Structures are given as structure tokens and as C-alpha cells.
Amino acid sequence: MIDTLASTRTAADAVARRREIRRESSRQILRALGRSLVTFALTLVVVLVLWVGAIELFGISSYVAKGPADVWAYLVTDDDAGEHVALLRDQLGISLVDAFIGFVAGLVVALLGATAFRLSKGVEHALMPVAMLLRSVPLIALAPLIILVFGRDVTTVAVVAGIVVLFPALVNIVFGLHSASPQMLDVVTVYGGSSWTTLRKVALPASAPSFFAAVRISVPGALTGALLVEWLATGDGIGSTIQTAYSQVQFSLVWSAVVVVTTVSLVLYNVVQVIESIVLSRMGMTPRQGS
């Protein structure tokens, strides 16, 4: 009878602990959502202040420089606002697809490369300096060569956007894999675990904060890379729209396109941050700051 009561009490305690963990996880998610919303709002305020302040400070002509009110009118209140929004929506869709291709390609290569570095110090010592050397070459200098080799289609977009994503993601993920607890690695090794087992059981879970930091950096980076290729090569997307509008002196369209791209980048960054907070809170981790 005593054993039965003890077992029942233990089971009840376990259920209570699980409920408390779920409640704490929910609180962390709500806090993450709140922080993201506050950060997003503050970022918008800062951008608007800098935007208006720069125009006033440098005395830029209103013919060239468009303020928030001008962009609002172009996208919302003008008679042709619907056509303007439709144009930017269609071109933005192309840019987002281009950026997604480059983002996935760059992140996958970075993850595979970081895994290879973790499994083999020789590979890391041989390839990491090469990666850093390539990273130091300005992308605008590489872009014409990439266009010459791969042509003016989606392949070039994937290569350039992937390069933008690859190097920051590689460095972050490698850092995360090397931050695994030595004690936990030793435990797995003592029990006969191979290098692959220590990677899968210890290093990869420990690298989750760094992985999400890499994703946060990579999302706007992939979009920037896609815009660069659209500007230089493909003739599609927001990048091409900005170039064409600028050459045709359609400055309202130029500023509106920049505002749309900036807003989308901020939204995607904050969405990744919320997902990161949810996943890491369920893993009992905290997000990596300062990335």
C-alpha cells in the first residue's frame, strides 16, 4: 500500500513538473513575441526618424528624395495606388523566390561544411582559410564572373545569394558546433560513441542557438544577394524594378520599392527570431545574442 501511494505521488509530481515546464515554455514564447513586436516597432520608429532627418539635414530636393508621406500616398491614397501595389507585389514575389533558393542553397552548404569541419580538423584547417579568403573578395567584383559562368537565370541568383548566406552561416554554425560541452562529449566517447554519434547527440543540439543566429543573419542577406543579381543580370524582381525606375526617373517607385524590401526584411527577421525563441525554449536553451 505504501509503495502504491509513493508511486502515485511520484507520478503526480512528474505530471506537475511537465505542466510547469509547459507553462514556463508558454511564458517564454509570449515574452519572445512581445520582445519581437517591441523591437520591430522601435526599429520602424528609428528608421522613420533617420529617413526624415537625413532628408531635412542634407536638404535633398523633394523631386529626388521621397519621405514617408510620399511613399504612403504612392502605395495607398493615389488614384493609381492599386496598380503600384500590384506591380511591387508581383516583383516582390519573384525576389522572395530567388532569395529563398539562395538561402536554402547557402545554408545547406554551410551546414554540411560545418559538419565536415567538426568531424575532421584536417578539413577545417585546409578549407576554412580558403573560405575566409573568398569572403574577403567583394561580391560586386565576383558577380560579373558568376554571371559569365552561369548565365542570366535563376542559377546565378542561387549562386550569388548562396554566397551571401554561406560564409556568415558557416562561421556561426562552426562556432556552435565547437561550443558543445567537453564533459558531454567525453561521456559519449567513454560509452563507445563514434565521432558521428557525438556530433548527432551533443554537438548539433548544442549548436542550435548559433544555427538560428546564422538563419537570422542569412534571411536579409539572401534577399540582398537576390536583389543584386536581379539588378545586374536577370531583369526580374524588385532589384530590376529599382534599376528600371531609377533610369526612368520614377523616384516614387524607387523609394517605395526600397521601403517594401526593408519592411519585408524586418518582418522575416522577426519571424525567424520568434521561431528561434519557441524552439530554443522547448529545448531549454536561450537565444544567442549579438548576431
Protein backbone atom coordinates (compact mmCIF):
# COMPACT_ATOMS: atom_id res chain seq x y z
CA MET A 1 0.00 0.00 0.00
CA ILE A 2 2.81 2.39 0.92
CA ASP A 3 4.60 1.56 -2.33
CA THR A 4 1.41 2.25 -4.29
CA LEU A 5 0.95 5.64 -2.60
CA ALA A 6 4.60 6.52 -3.25
CA SER A 7 4.27 5.56 -6.91
CA THR A 8 1.09 7.61 -7.25
CA ARG A 9 2.77 10.62 -5.61
CA THR A 10 5.79 10.29 -7.88
CA ALA A 11 3.58 10.13 -10.98
CA ALA A 12 1.63 13.17 -9.80
CA ASP A 13 4.85 15.08 -9.22
CA ALA A 14 6.06 14.18 -12.71
CA VAL A 15 2.78 15.42 -14.23
CA ALA A 16 3.02 18.64 -12.22
CA ARG A 17 6.58 19.19 -13.40
CA ARG A 18 5.58 18.67 -17.02
CA ARG A 19 2.74 21.16 -16.63
CA GLU A 20 5.08 23.70 -15.06
CA ILE A 21 7.56 23.21 -17.91
CA ARG A 22 4.78 23.76 -20.46
CA ARG A 23 3.60 26.89 -18.63
CA GLU A 24 7.14 28.25 -18.48
CA SER A 25 7.59 27.48 -22.18
CA SER A 26 4.37 29.34 -22.96
CA ARG A 27 5.53 32.32 -20.92
CA GLN A 28 8.86 32.35 -22.77
CA ILE A 29 7.06 32.26 -26.11
CA LEU A 30 4.81 35.15 -25.12
CA ARG A 31 7.81 37.13 -23.91
CA ALA A 32 9.58 36.41 -27.20
CA LEU A 33 6.57 37.61 -29.17
CA GLY A 34 6.38 40.74 -27.06
CA ARG A 35 10.09 41.46 -27.48
CA SER A 36 9.86 40.94 -31.23
CA LEU A 37 6.88 43.28 -31.57
CA VAL A 38 8.54 45.95 -29.43
CA THR A 39 11.82 45.61 -31.34
CA PHE A 40 10.01 45.79 -34.68
CA ALA A 41 8.09 48.91 -33.61
CA LEU A 42 11.21 50.63 -32.28
CA THR A 43 13.14 49.77 -35.44
CA LEU A 44 10.41 51.30 -37.59
CA VAL A 45 10.43 54.45 -35.47
CA VAL A 46 14.23 54.75 -35.70
CA VAL A 47 14.18 54.18 -39.47
CA LEU A 48 11.47 56.79 -39.96
CA VAL A 49 13.33 59.34 -37.82
CA LEU A 50 16.60 58.73 -39.68
CA TRP A 51 14.81 58.83 -43.01
CA VAL A 52 13.09 62.17 -42.41
CA GLY A 53 16.10 63.58 -40.54
CA ALA A 54 18.53 62.76 -43.37
CA ILE A 55 16.31 64.44 -45.96
CA GLU A 56 15.97 67.58 -43.83
CA LEU A 57 19.60 67.65 -42.68
CA PHE A 58 21.10 67.37 -46.16
CA GLY A 59 18.41 69.48 -47.82
CA ILE A 60 17.74 66.94 -50.56
CA SER A 61 15.30 68.06 -53.20
CA SER A 62 11.79 66.68 -52.83
CA TYR A 63 11.94 65.77 -56.52
CA VAL A 64 14.59 63.14 -55.74
CA ALA A 65 14.04 62.29 -52.08
CA LYS A 66 10.64 60.96 -51.08
CA GLY A 67 9.53 60.92 -47.48
CA PRO A 68 7.16 58.57 -45.64
CA ALA A 69 4.14 60.66 -46.63
CA ASP A 70 5.11 60.44 -50.32
CA VAL A 71 5.53 56.66 -50.15
CA TRP A 72 2.22 56.31 -48.29
CA ALA A 73 0.47 58.33 -50.98
CA TYR A 74 2.12 56.31 -53.76
CA LEU A 75 1.06 52.99 -52.25
CA VAL A 76 -2.23 53.85 -50.56
CA THR A 77 -4.01 57.09 -51.41
CA ASP A 78 -3.11 57.93 -55.03
CA ASP A 79 -5.57 57.07 -57.77
CA ASP A 80 -3.07 54.57 -59.23
CA ALA A 81 -2.08 53.12 -55.84
CA GLY A 82 -3.66 49.76 -56.65
CA GLU A 83 -1.54 49.40 -59.78
CA HIS A 84 1.59 50.42 -57.88
CA VAL A 85 0.93 47.86 -55.15
CA ALA A 86 0.21 45.13 -57.71
CA LEU A 87 3.49 45.84 -59.52
CA LEU A 88 5.55 45.74 -56.34
CA ARG A 89 3.70 42.65 -55.06
CA ASP A 90 4.42 40.70 -58.24
CA GLN A 91 8.06 41.73 -58.36
CA LEU A 92 8.49 41.09 -54.64
CA GLY A 93 7.16 37.55 -55.14
CA ILE A 94 9.88 36.90 -57.71
CA SER A 95 12.56 38.31 -55.40
CA LEU A 96 11.38 36.23 -52.46
CA VAL A 97 11.52 33.04 -54.52
CA ASP A 98 15.00 33.96 -55.73
CA ALA A 99 16.12 34.73 -52.18
CA PHE A 100 14.63 31.50 -50.84
CA ILE A 101 16.58 29.45 -53.38
CA GLY A 102 19.83 31.15 -52.44
CA PHE A 103 19.03 30.96 -48.73
CA VAL A 104 18.42 27.21 -48.82
CA ALA A 105 21.45 26.55 -51.01
CA GLY A 106 23.80 28.63 -48.86
CA LEU A 107 22.50 27.31 -45.55
CA VAL A 108 22.68 23.67 -46.64
CA VAL A 109 26.26 24.07 -47.89
CA ALA A 110 27.20 25.91 -44.68
CA LEU A 111 25.68 23.17 -42.52
CA LEU A 112 27.43 20.42 -44.48
CA GLY A 113 30.71 22.31 -44.39
CA ALA A 114 30.49 22.96 -40.65
CA THR A 115 29.68 19.29 -40.07
CA ALA A 116 32.72 18.25 -42.09
CA PHE A 117 34.87 20.69 -40.11
CA ARG A 118 33.57 19.24 -36.83
CA LEU A 119 34.30 15.68 -37.91
CA SER A 120 37.76 16.41 -39.32
CA LYS A 121 40.19 19.02 -38.05
CA GLY A 122 42.27 18.49 -41.17
CA VAL A 123 39.37 19.51 -43.40
CA GLU A 124 38.74 22.58 -41.25
CA HIS A 125 42.38 23.68 -41.28
CA ALA A 126 42.56 23.18 -45.05
CA LEU A 127 39.29 24.82 -46.11
CA MET A 128 38.46 27.48 -43.51
CA PRO A 129 41.29 29.83 -44.62
CA VAL A 130 40.13 29.42 -48.22
CA ALA A 131 36.56 30.25 -47.20
CA MET A 132 37.71 33.36 -45.32
CA LEU A 133 39.84 34.44 -48.27
CA LEU A 134 36.90 34.14 -50.64
CA ARG A 135 34.74 36.01 -48.14
CA SER A 136 37.13 38.96 -48.30
CA VAL A 137 36.55 39.39 -52.06
CA PRO A 138 33.78 41.97 -52.68
CA LEU A 139 30.69 40.30 -54.07
CA ILE A 140 30.23 43.04 -56.62
CA ALA A 141 33.60 42.02 -58.10
CA LEU A 142 32.63 38.33 -58.22
CA ALA A 143 29.15 38.90 -59.63
CA PRO A 144 30.20 39.56 -63.27
CA LEU A 145 32.30 36.38 -63.27
CA ILE A 146 29.44 34.36 -61.81
CA ILE A 147 27.04 35.79 -64.40
CA LEU A 148 29.52 34.95 -67.16
CA VAL A 149 29.81 31.33 -65.98
CA PHE A 150 26.20 30.56 -65.02
CA GLY A 151 24.26 32.89 -67.30
CA ARG A 152 21.39 35.23 -66.51
CA ASP A 153 18.87 32.94 -64.87
CA VAL A 154 17.86 31.51 -61.53
CA THR A 155 21.11 29.53 -61.22
CA THR A 156 23.07 32.73 -60.92
CA VAL A 157 20.61 34.00 -58.31
CA ALA A 158 21.11 30.82 -56.29
CA VAL A 159 24.91 31.07 -56.51
CA VAL A 160 25.18 34.74 -55.52
CA ALA A 161 22.53 34.64 -52.79
CA GLY A 162 24.05 31.39 -51.58
CA ILE A 163 27.48 33.01 -51.31
CA VAL A 164 25.99 35.87 -49.28
CA VAL A 165 24.42 33.32 -46.92
CA LEU A 166 27.24 30.77 -46.88
CA PHE A 167 30.12 32.48 -45.09
CA PRO A 168 28.34 34.12 -42.12
CA ALA A 169 26.28 30.95 -41.63
CA LEU A 170 29.38 28.75 -41.83
CA VAL A 171 31.24 30.76 -39.18
CA ASN A 172 28.23 30.80 -36.82
CA ILE A 173 27.49 27.09 -37.16
CA VAL A 174 31.15 26.11 -36.74
CA PHE A 175 31.27 28.22 -33.59
CA GLY A 176 28.13 26.49 -32.31
CA LEU A 177 29.45 23.00 -33.00
CA HIS A 178 32.67 23.80 -31.15
CA SER A 179 30.72 25.16 -28.15
CA ALA A 180 29.45 21.71 -27.16
CA SER A 181 30.22 20.69 -23.58
CA PRO A 182 33.53 18.76 -23.38
CA GLN A 183 32.14 16.75 -20.48
CA MET A 184 29.15 15.59 -22.53
CA LEU A 185 31.42 14.72 -25.43
CA ASP A 186 33.63 12.71 -23.09
CA VAL A 187 30.62 10.81 -21.72
CA VAL A 188 29.52 9.76 -25.20
CA THR A 189 33.08 8.78 -26.12
CA VAL A 190 33.55 6.76 -22.93
CA TYR A 191 30.43 4.75 -23.73
CA GLY A 192 31.81 3.89 -27.15
CA GLY A 193 30.24 6.63 -29.22
CA SER A 194 31.85 7.49 -32.54
CA SER A 195 32.61 10.99 -33.83
CA TRP A 196 29.32 10.90 -35.73
CA THR A 197 27.46 9.94 -32.56
CA THR A 198 28.99 12.81 -30.56
CA LEU A 199 28.10 15.15 -33.40
CA ARG A 200 24.49 13.95 -33.57
CA LYS A 201 23.84 13.57 -29.84
CA VAL A 202 25.79 16.51 -28.41
CA ALA A 203 27.33 18.97 -30.89
CA LEU A 204 24.33 19.53 -33.17
CA PRO A 205 21.83 20.16 -30.32
CA ALA A 206 24.35 22.45 -28.61
CA SER A 207 24.76 24.44 -31.83
CA ALA A 208 21.04 25.28 -32.08
CA PRO A 209 21.41 28.90 -30.81
CA SER A 210 24.24 29.56 -33.25
CA PHE A 211 22.31 27.89 -36.06
CA PHE A 212 19.34 30.18 -35.51
CA ALA A 213 21.67 33.17 -35.27
CA ALA A 214 23.01 32.14 -38.69
CA VAL A 215 19.47 31.89 -40.05
CA ARG A 216 18.60 35.35 -38.72
CA ILE A 217 21.63 36.84 -40.46
CA SER A 218 21.06 34.85 -43.64
CA VAL A 219 17.44 35.81 -44.32
CA PRO A 220 18.06 39.51 -45.13
CA GLY A 221 21.43 38.58 -46.66
CA ALA A 222 19.79 36.21 -49.14
CA LEU A 223 17.34 38.91 -50.16
CA THR A 224 20.20 41.35 -50.68
CA GLY A 225 22.04 38.84 -52.87
CA ALA A 226 18.92 38.19 -54.93
CA LEU A 227 18.39 41.94 -55.47
CA LEU A 228 21.99 42.31 -56.63
CA VAL A 229 21.62 39.60 -59.28
CA GLU A 230 18.25 40.96 -60.40
CA TRP A 231 19.84 44.39 -60.74
CA LEU A 232 22.83 43.12 -62.73
CA ALA A 233 21.57 40.15 -64.69
CA THR A 234 18.09 38.64 -64.64
CA GLY A 235 15.89 41.66 -65.32
CA ASP A 236 13.22 40.40 -62.91
CA GLY A 237 12.20 41.12 -59.36
CA ILE A 238 12.47 44.16 -57.12
CA GLY A 239 16.14 44.65 -57.98
CA SER A 240 15.37 45.11 -61.65
CA THR A 241 12.36 47.27 -60.80
CA ILE A 242 14.54 49.67 -58.80
CA GLN A 243 17.07 49.87 -61.62
CA THR A 244 14.43 50.49 -64.28
CA ALA A 245 12.55 53.04 -62.17
CA TYR A 246 15.78 54.92 -61.43
CA SER A 247 16.72 55.07 -65.12
CA GLN A 248 13.22 56.37 -65.92
CA VAL A 249 13.36 58.96 -63.10
CA GLN A 250 10.43 57.33 -61.27
CA PHE A 251 11.74 58.20 -57.83
CA SER A 252 8.49 57.48 -56.02
CA LEU A 253 8.67 53.90 -57.29
CA VAL A 254 12.33 53.64 -56.28
CA TRP A 255 11.66 54.76 -52.72
CA SER A 256 8.53 52.65 -52.42
CA ALA A 257 10.39 49.55 -53.59
CA VAL A 258 13.17 50.18 -51.07
CA VAL A 259 10.61 50.63 -48.29
CA VAL A 260 8.84 47.40 -49.25
CA VAL A 261 12.09 45.41 -49.31
CA THR A 262 13.23 46.87 -45.99
CA THR A 263 9.89 46.15 -44.33
CA VAL A 264 9.82 42.57 -45.61
CA SER A 265 13.40 42.00 -44.38
CA LEU A 266 12.48 43.27 -40.91
CA VAL A 267 9.35 41.11 -40.81
CA LEU A 268 11.23 37.96 -41.90
CA TYR A 269 13.99 38.65 -39.37
CA ASN A 270 11.47 38.95 -36.56
CA VAL A 271 9.57 35.84 -37.69
CA VAL A 272 12.80 33.84 -37.53
CA GLN A 273 13.50 35.32 -34.10
CA VAL A 274 10.10 34.21 -32.81
CA ILE A 275 10.56 30.70 -34.22
CA GLU A 276 14.01 30.62 -32.65
CA SER A 277 12.62 31.57 -29.24
CA ILE A 278 9.91 28.92 -29.45
CA VAL A 279 12.27 26.11 -30.48
CA LEU A 280 15.03 27.00 -28.04
CA SER A 281 12.62 27.44 -25.15
CA ARG A 282 11.35 23.92 -25.76
CA MET A 283 14.97 22.72 -25.79
CA GLY A 284 15.73 24.55 -22.55
CA MET A 285 18.16 26.96 -24.24
CA THR A 286 18.39 30.71 -24.66
CA PRO A 287 18.94 32.52 -27.98
CA ARG A 288 22.47 33.59 -28.85
CA GLN A 289 22.66 37.36 -28.58
CA GLY A 290 24.67 39.86 -30.56
CA SER A 291 24.32 38.25 -34.01
